[in-house]
Amino acid sequence: MILGLLCAAALAGCGSSDSVAELPPAAAPDASPELTERPAGEVVRLDGRAPEGVAVDPLTGLVAVAVRDPAEVLLVDGQAGRLRRRAALPAATRHLALAGTSGPLLAPAEDAGSVAQIQLPGGETGTLPAGAAPHDVAAAGGRQYVTDRRGGALLAIGGEPERVGVAAEPDGVAVADEGRTIAVVSGRERVLELFDTLSLERLGRAPAGAGPTHVVSGSEGRFYVVDTTGDALLVFETRPELRLTRRVALLGAPYGIAVDRERGRLWVTLTATNELVELSAGTRPRTLRSLPAVRQPNSVAVDPRTGRAYVTGRADDRLQLLDARRAR
């Protein structure tokens, strides 16, 4: 099946709308089974349903968690695990990101066609229009770059709005090279595309596995893509051009990913097995250890000051707080 998907992705790369229409749907996380092990670290119950997106503000130590019904962002004390504030959203979100070291927090509200901007630590909220279905967001140079999943586009907002067409059903987005380049992974067409953040000129395009979902940036212009269907972590280099250089097997439907640049680590969640995997970063990532996680661990974030990891358990409304040193 994976071979067939790879072949279909290669055909889609030729730009034929007919071949894209014939592709299977974009990848999704596996439905996680019941827990068989106690999650590592601490686990706290959240006052909100179906938590997914998570981000950490290193200045305040707040952990932002996106929940549904009602659509809100919970601001949680990252050490104590206690709720401090809550901020209403125009619609639910699956991804959160910081616009900079001092915020604001960005939350794409897919069903509202906008990105919420939440001030920290107070929780005051404003919105910016962002296409038909804003899915993920990254920030660089005072602008926010949003993937419009239904519109098939990358949007630049926070100034004079700009838009560029991308491959079918763009999902994850990440910025590298100190804000000079931005990568978009498109789940339906199964490719990774590289753009210049100032001009939005396309700099490269490469196949990205059997079912990619998320992307994060590393050092030296490097990007890491989670291939959920293909059970792998993909390493892409951008110098001198965008290319896939390594595939690391991660059995268990990998989905959420976070990078700890200070310690040279990657954290990836496995939704089929309720696990959290720690890997070394760099050109040749290797698995260092695997830890039991909360159920349905769709998202993970890391505090760059402490290296502490936070995982959302969508099935049981939990937040996992994992001190890296203690978990060793």
Protein backbone atom coordinates (compact mmCIF):
# COMPACT_ATOMS: atom_id res chain seq x y z
CA MET A 1 0.00 0.00 0.00
CA ILE A 2 2.81 2.39 0.92
CA LEU A 3 4.52 1.75 -2.43
CA GLY A 4 1.29 2.63 -4.21
CA LEU A 5 0.97 5.87 -2.29
CA LEU A 6 4.56 6.81 -3.11
CA CYS A 7 3.90 6.19 -6.80
CA ALA A 8 0.75 8.30 -6.65
CA ALA A 9 2.67 11.11 -4.95
CA ALA A 10 5.29 11.01 -7.67
CA LEU A 11 2.59 11.38 -10.33
CA ALA A 12 1.04 14.28 -8.43
CA GLY A 13 4.37 16.06 -8.47
CA CYS A 14 3.95 16.56 -12.22
CA GLY A 15 1.18 19.05 -11.44
CA SER A 16 -1.74 17.17 -13.04
CA SER A 17 -5.07 18.03 -11.38
CA ASP A 18 -6.44 14.66 -12.53
CA SER A 19 -3.66 12.73 -10.78
CA VAL A 20 -4.16 14.76 -7.58
CA ALA A 21 -7.89 13.99 -7.62
CA GLU A 22 -7.08 10.29 -7.76
CA LEU A 23 -4.91 10.41 -4.65
CA PRO A 24 -6.18 8.91 -1.38
CA PRO A 25 -7.10 11.30 1.45
CA ALA A 26 -4.41 12.97 3.51
CA ALA A 27 -3.00 10.98 6.42
CA ALA A 28 -4.48 11.16 9.91
CA PRO A 29 -3.36 9.87 13.32
CA ASP A 30 -4.33 6.35 14.30
CA ALA A 31 -7.14 5.91 16.82
CA SER A 32 -5.16 5.07 19.93
CA PRO A 33 -5.94 1.95 21.96
CA GLU A 34 -6.61 1.88 25.70
CA LEU A 35 -3.54 2.53 27.84
CA THR A 36 -1.55 -0.49 28.96
CA GLU A 37 1.13 1.47 30.86
CA ARG A 38 1.07 4.43 33.18
CA PRO A 39 2.30 7.52 31.27
CA ALA A 40 5.78 8.75 32.22
CA GLY A 41 6.11 11.92 34.28
CA GLU A 42 3.06 13.73 35.65
CA VAL A 43 -0.44 13.72 34.19
CA VAL A 44 -3.11 16.33 34.90
CA ARG A 45 -6.75 16.41 33.83
CA LEU A 46 -7.70 19.46 31.79
CA ASP A 47 -10.84 21.53 32.20
CA GLY A 48 -11.70 21.18 28.51
CA ARG A 49 -12.52 18.50 25.95
CA ALA A 50 -10.34 16.94 23.24
CA PRO A 51 -7.06 18.81 23.83
CA GLU A 52 -4.76 18.83 20.83
CA GLY A 53 -2.57 21.82 19.93
CA VAL A 54 0.07 22.74 22.53
CA ALA A 55 2.78 25.41 22.77
CA VAL A 56 5.11 26.64 25.53
CA ASP A 57 5.95 30.28 26.29
CA PRO A 58 9.51 30.23 27.72
CA LEU A 59 9.21 33.73 29.23
CA THR A 60 6.16 33.10 31.42
CA GLY A 61 6.41 29.30 31.70
CA LEU A 62 2.80 29.02 30.52
CA VAL A 63 1.71 26.00 28.48
CA ALA A 64 -1.06 26.83 26.01
CA VAL A 65 -3.44 23.96 25.22
CA ALA A 66 -6.19 24.12 22.59
CA VAL A 67 -9.46 22.42 23.55
CA ARG A 68 -12.89 21.99 21.92
CA ASP A 69 -16.49 22.50 23.02
CA PRO A 70 -16.16 25.28 23.85
CA ALA A 71 -13.31 26.32 21.56
CA GLU A 72 -10.71 27.76 23.92
CA VAL A 73 -7.03 27.96 24.74
CA LEU A 74 -6.17 26.99 28.29
CA LEU A 75 -3.12 28.71 29.78
CA VAL A 76 -1.59 26.24 32.23
CA ASP A 77 1.27 26.69 34.69
CA GLY A 78 4.00 24.57 33.14
CA GLN A 79 5.46 23.52 36.49
CA ALA A 80 2.41 22.96 38.65
CA GLY A 81 0.01 21.92 35.88
CA ARG A 82 -2.69 24.27 37.20
CA LEU A 83 -5.02 26.30 35.00
CA ARG A 84 -4.23 30.03 35.13
CA ARG A 85 -6.43 31.55 32.43
CA ARG A 86 -8.58 30.64 29.47
CA ALA A 87 -9.03 32.49 26.18
CA ALA A 88 -12.03 32.00 23.89
CA LEU A 89 -11.49 31.21 20.20
CA PRO A 90 -13.80 31.93 17.23
CA ALA A 91 -13.55 28.21 16.33
CA ALA A 92 -11.54 25.21 17.46
CA THR A 93 -7.89 24.85 16.45
CA ARG A 94 -5.52 21.90 16.09
CA HIS A 95 -2.26 23.88 16.09
CA LEU A 96 -0.69 26.60 18.22
CA ALA A 97 2.49 28.62 17.69
CA LEU A 98 4.28 31.61 19.18
CA ALA A 99 4.86 34.67 17.01
CA GLY A 100 8.07 35.41 18.93
CA THR A 101 9.74 35.15 22.32
CA SER A 102 7.24 37.63 23.74
CA GLY A 103 4.24 36.25 21.85
CA PRO A 104 1.51 36.62 20.90
CA LEU A 105 0.22 33.06 20.73
CA LEU A 106 -1.23 32.19 17.32
CA ALA A 107 -4.24 29.88 16.89
CA PRO A 108 -5.61 29.13 13.39
CA ALA A 109 -9.39 28.83 13.68
CA GLU A 110 -10.07 26.59 10.69
CA ASP A 111 -13.87 26.84 10.63
CA ALA A 112 -13.83 30.62 11.20
CA GLY A 113 -11.32 31.54 8.47
CA SER A 114 -9.13 33.48 10.88
CA VAL A 115 -6.06 33.32 13.10
CA ALA A 116 -6.54 34.31 16.74
CA GLN A 117 -3.73 36.29 18.37
CA ILE A 118 -3.63 35.76 22.13
CA GLN A 119 -1.52 38.06 24.29
CA LEU A 120 0.53 36.45 27.07
CA PRO A 121 0.18 36.19 29.96
CA GLY A 122 -3.13 38.10 30.06
CA GLY A 123 -5.06 36.16 27.42
CA GLU A 124 -6.47 39.17 25.51
CA THR A 125 -7.51 38.02 22.03
CA GLY A 126 -7.76 39.56 18.57
CA THR A 127 -8.20 37.96 15.12
CA LEU A 128 -6.91 38.34 11.57
CA PRO A 129 -8.65 36.93 8.46
CA ALA A 130 -6.71 34.00 7.01
CA GLY A 131 -8.29 32.30 4.00
CA ALA A 132 -10.87 29.55 3.72
CA ALA A 133 -9.49 27.03 6.23
CA PRO A 134 -6.36 28.12 8.13
CA HIS A 135 -4.74 24.95 9.48
CA ASP A 136 -1.20 25.62 10.77
CA VAL A 137 0.90 28.74 11.30
CA ALA A 138 4.51 29.83 11.70
CA ALA A 139 5.99 33.31 12.22
CA ALA A 140 9.02 35.17 10.89
CA GLY A 141 10.00 38.80 10.36
CA GLY A 142 6.84 40.22 11.89
CA ARG A 143 4.53 38.24 9.63
CA GLN A 144 2.54 35.03 10.11
CA TYR A 145 2.55 32.30 7.48
CA VAL A 146 -0.62 30.22 7.39
CA THR A 147 -1.51 27.07 5.45
CA ASP A 148 -4.99 27.36 3.93
CA ARG A 149 -6.03 23.73 3.65
CA ARG A 150 -9.16 24.16 1.55
CA GLY A 151 -7.74 27.03 -0.48
CA GLY A 152 -4.54 25.17 -1.38
CA ALA A 153 -2.38 28.15 -0.47
CA LEU A 154 0.25 29.62 1.81
CA LEU A 155 -0.82 33.00 3.19
CA ALA A 156 1.37 35.75 4.62
CA ILE A 157 -0.61 37.96 7.03
CA GLY A 158 0.21 40.55 9.67
CA GLY A 159 1.05 43.20 7.07
CA GLU A 160 0.13 43.50 3.41
CA PRO A 161 -1.57 40.12 2.80
CA GLU A 162 0.08 37.85 0.24
CA ARG A 163 -0.86 34.46 -1.12
CA VAL A 164 0.87 31.74 -3.13
CA GLY A 165 -0.58 28.47 -4.39
CA VAL A 166 0.89 25.25 -2.97
CA ALA A 167 0.37 21.51 -3.40
CA ALA A 168 -3.01 19.98 -2.50
CA GLU A 169 -4.21 20.18 1.14
CA PRO A 170 -1.29 21.92 2.86
CA ASP A 171 -0.91 20.84 6.48
CA GLY A 172 2.25 21.66 8.46
CA VAL A 173 4.45 24.74 8.07
CA ALA A 174 7.84 25.67 9.58
CA VAL A 175 10.43 28.44 9.23
CA ALA A 176 14.22 27.94 9.06
CA ASP A 177 17.42 29.85 8.22
CA GLU A 178 16.65 32.58 10.79
CA GLY A 179 13.37 33.33 9.08
CA ARG A 180 14.61 33.35 5.49
CA THR A 181 12.92 30.17 4.26
CA ILE A 182 9.64 28.44 4.99
CA ALA A 183 8.59 24.86 4.26
CA VAL A 184 5.05 23.58 3.67
CA VAL A 185 4.11 19.90 3.77
CA SER A 186 0.97 19.03 1.78
CA GLY A 187 -0.86 15.95 3.00
CA ARG A 188 -2.95 15.11 -0.06
CA GLU A 189 -0.21 15.62 -2.65
CA ARG A 190 2.46 14.24 -0.31
CA VAL A 191 5.22 16.73 -1.05
CA LEU A 192 7.38 19.24 0.82
CA GLU A 193 7.79 22.68 -0.75
CA LEU A 194 10.30 25.38 0.16
CA PHE A 195 9.62 29.12 -0.21
CA ASP A 196 11.44 32.41 0.32
CA THR A 197 9.68 34.22 3.18
CA LEU A 198 10.07 37.68 1.65
CA SER A 199 9.08 37.04 -1.96
CA LEU A 200 7.12 33.77 -1.49
CA GLU A 201 9.08 32.45 -4.47
CA ARG A 202 9.13 28.64 -4.57
CA LEU A 203 12.70 27.44 -4.01
CA GLY A 204 12.18 23.70 -4.21
CA ARG A 205 9.82 20.76 -4.09
CA ALA A 206 10.39 17.11 -3.12
CA PRO A 207 8.27 13.97 -2.48
CA ALA A 208 7.60 13.50 1.24
CA GLY A 209 6.73 9.88 1.86
CA ALA A 210 3.48 7.95 1.95
CA GLY A 211 1.43 10.22 4.22
CA PRO A 212 3.21 13.28 5.69
CA THR A 213 1.45 15.45 8.25
CA HIS A 214 3.81 17.74 10.21
CA VAL A 215 7.12 19.53 9.74
CA VAL A 216 9.58 21.27 12.09
CA SER A 217 12.85 23.06 11.38
CA GLY A 218 16.31 22.24 12.68
CA SER A 219 19.75 23.80 12.32
CA GLU A 220 21.50 24.66 9.05
CA GLY A 221 18.24 25.03 7.14
CA ARG A 222 17.21 21.44 7.87
CA PHE A 223 13.59 20.23 8.08
CA TYR A 224 12.11 17.14 9.72
CA VAL A 225 8.83 15.73 8.37
CA VAL A 226 6.61 13.15 10.08
CA ASP A 227 5.43 10.51 7.61
CA THR A 228 2.42 9.18 9.51
CA THR A 229 1.32 6.58 6.97
CA GLY A 230 4.89 5.50 6.23
CA ASP A 231 5.84 5.10 9.92
CA ALA A 232 8.91 7.29 9.56
CA LEU A 233 10.73 10.52 10.27
CA LEU A 234 12.09 12.14 7.09
CA VAL A 235 15.14 14.42 7.06
CA PHE A 236 15.35 17.12 4.38
CA GLU A 237 18.39 19.26 3.65
CA THR A 238 18.05 22.56 1.79
CA ARG A 239 21.67 23.30 0.86
CA PRO A 240 22.37 23.57 -1.98
CA GLU A 241 18.82 22.45 -2.81
CA LEU A 242 15.81 20.81 -1.15
CA ARG A 243 16.26 17.03 -1.00
CA LEU A 244 15.37 14.05 1.16
CA THR A 245 18.55 12.67 2.77
CA ARG A 246 17.41 10.20 5.41
CA ARG A 247 14.45 8.10 6.57
CA VAL A 248 14.23 6.93 10.20
CA ALA A 249 11.71 4.15 10.94
CA LEU A 250 9.19 4.99 13.71
CA LEU A 251 6.61 2.22 13.89
CA GLY A 252 3.29 3.27 15.40
CA ALA A 253 1.73 6.05 13.26
CA PRO A 254 3.99 8.97 14.27
CA TYR A 255 2.11 12.27 14.31
CA GLY A 256 3.04 15.06 16.73
CA ILE A 257 6.60 16.45 16.63
CA ALA A 258 8.62 19.07 18.51
CA VAL A 259 12.27 20.12 18.30
CA ASP A 260 14.50 21.06 21.24
CA ARG A 261 17.29 23.04 19.55
CA GLU A 262 19.09 23.80 22.81
CA ARG A 263 19.69 20.11 23.52
CA GLY A 264 19.70 18.76 19.98
CA ARG A 265 16.63 16.60 20.48
CA LEU A 266 13.44 15.68 18.64
CA TRP A 267 10.24 14.45 20.30
CA VAL A 268 7.70 12.45 18.25
CA THR A 269 4.39 10.95 19.38
CA LEU A 270 3.22 7.50 18.22
CA THR A 271 -0.57 7.46 18.08
CA ALA A 272 -0.97 3.73 17.40
CA THR A 273 0.97 2.73 20.53
CA ASN A 274 0.54 5.70 22.92
CA GLU A 275 4.27 6.43 23.05
CA LEU A 276 6.61 9.41 23.04
CA VAL A 277 9.96 8.89 21.29
CA GLU A 278 13.07 10.97 21.95
CA LEU A 279 15.59 11.16 19.10
CA SER A 280 18.86 12.95 18.54
CA ALA A 281 18.61 15.76 15.99
CA GLY A 282 21.09 16.54 13.21
CA THR A 283 21.67 14.91 9.85
CA ARG A 284 21.31 11.33 11.12
CA PRO A 285 18.66 11.18 13.88
CA ARG A 286 18.61 8.06 16.02
CA THR A 287 16.13 6.87 18.60
CA LEU A 288 17.38 7.40 22.17
CA ARG A 289 14.39 6.07 24.12
CA SER A 290 10.65 5.52 24.08
CA LEU A 291 8.31 6.51 26.91
CA PRO A 292 4.66 5.65 27.62
CA ALA A 293 2.40 8.58 26.80
CA VAL A 294 -1.17 9.66 27.43
CA ARG A 295 -3.90 8.21 25.21
CA GLN A 296 -4.20 9.66 21.72
CA PRO A 297 -1.00 11.75 21.95
CA ASN A 298 -1.59 13.96 18.92
CA SER A 299 0.64 16.90 19.90
CA VAL A 300 3.86 17.60 21.79
CA ALA A 301 5.76 20.78 22.70
CA VAL A 302 9.04 21.45 24.52
CA ASP A 303 10.09 24.27 26.84
CA PRO A 304 13.43 25.47 25.39
CA ARG A 305 14.63 26.67 28.80
CA THR A 306 14.17 23.40 30.68
CA GLY A 307 13.77 20.72 28.01
CA ARG A 308 10.49 19.68 29.64
CA ALA A 309 8.06 18.05 27.21
CA TYR A 310 4.27 18.44 27.21
CA VAL A 311 1.94 15.98 25.45
CA THR A 312 -1.82 16.32 24.95
CA GLY A 313 -3.99 13.22 25.33
CA ARG A 314 -7.00 13.92 23.13
CA ALA A 315 -8.97 10.82 24.11
CA ASP A 316 -8.93 11.34 27.89
CA ASP A 317 -8.59 15.15 28.21
CA ARG A 318 -5.13 14.92 29.77
CA LEU A 319 -1.87 16.87 29.69
CA GLN A 320 1.38 14.99 30.27
CA LEU A 321 4.26 16.90 31.88
CA LEU A 322 7.56 15.14 31.37
CA ASP A 323 10.77 16.35 32.99
CA ALA A 324 13.45 15.10 30.61
CA ARG A 325 16.09 14.49 33.28
CA ARG A 326 13.78 12.63 35.66
CA ALA A 327 12.33 10.51 32.86
CA ARG A 328 15.78 9.21 32.02
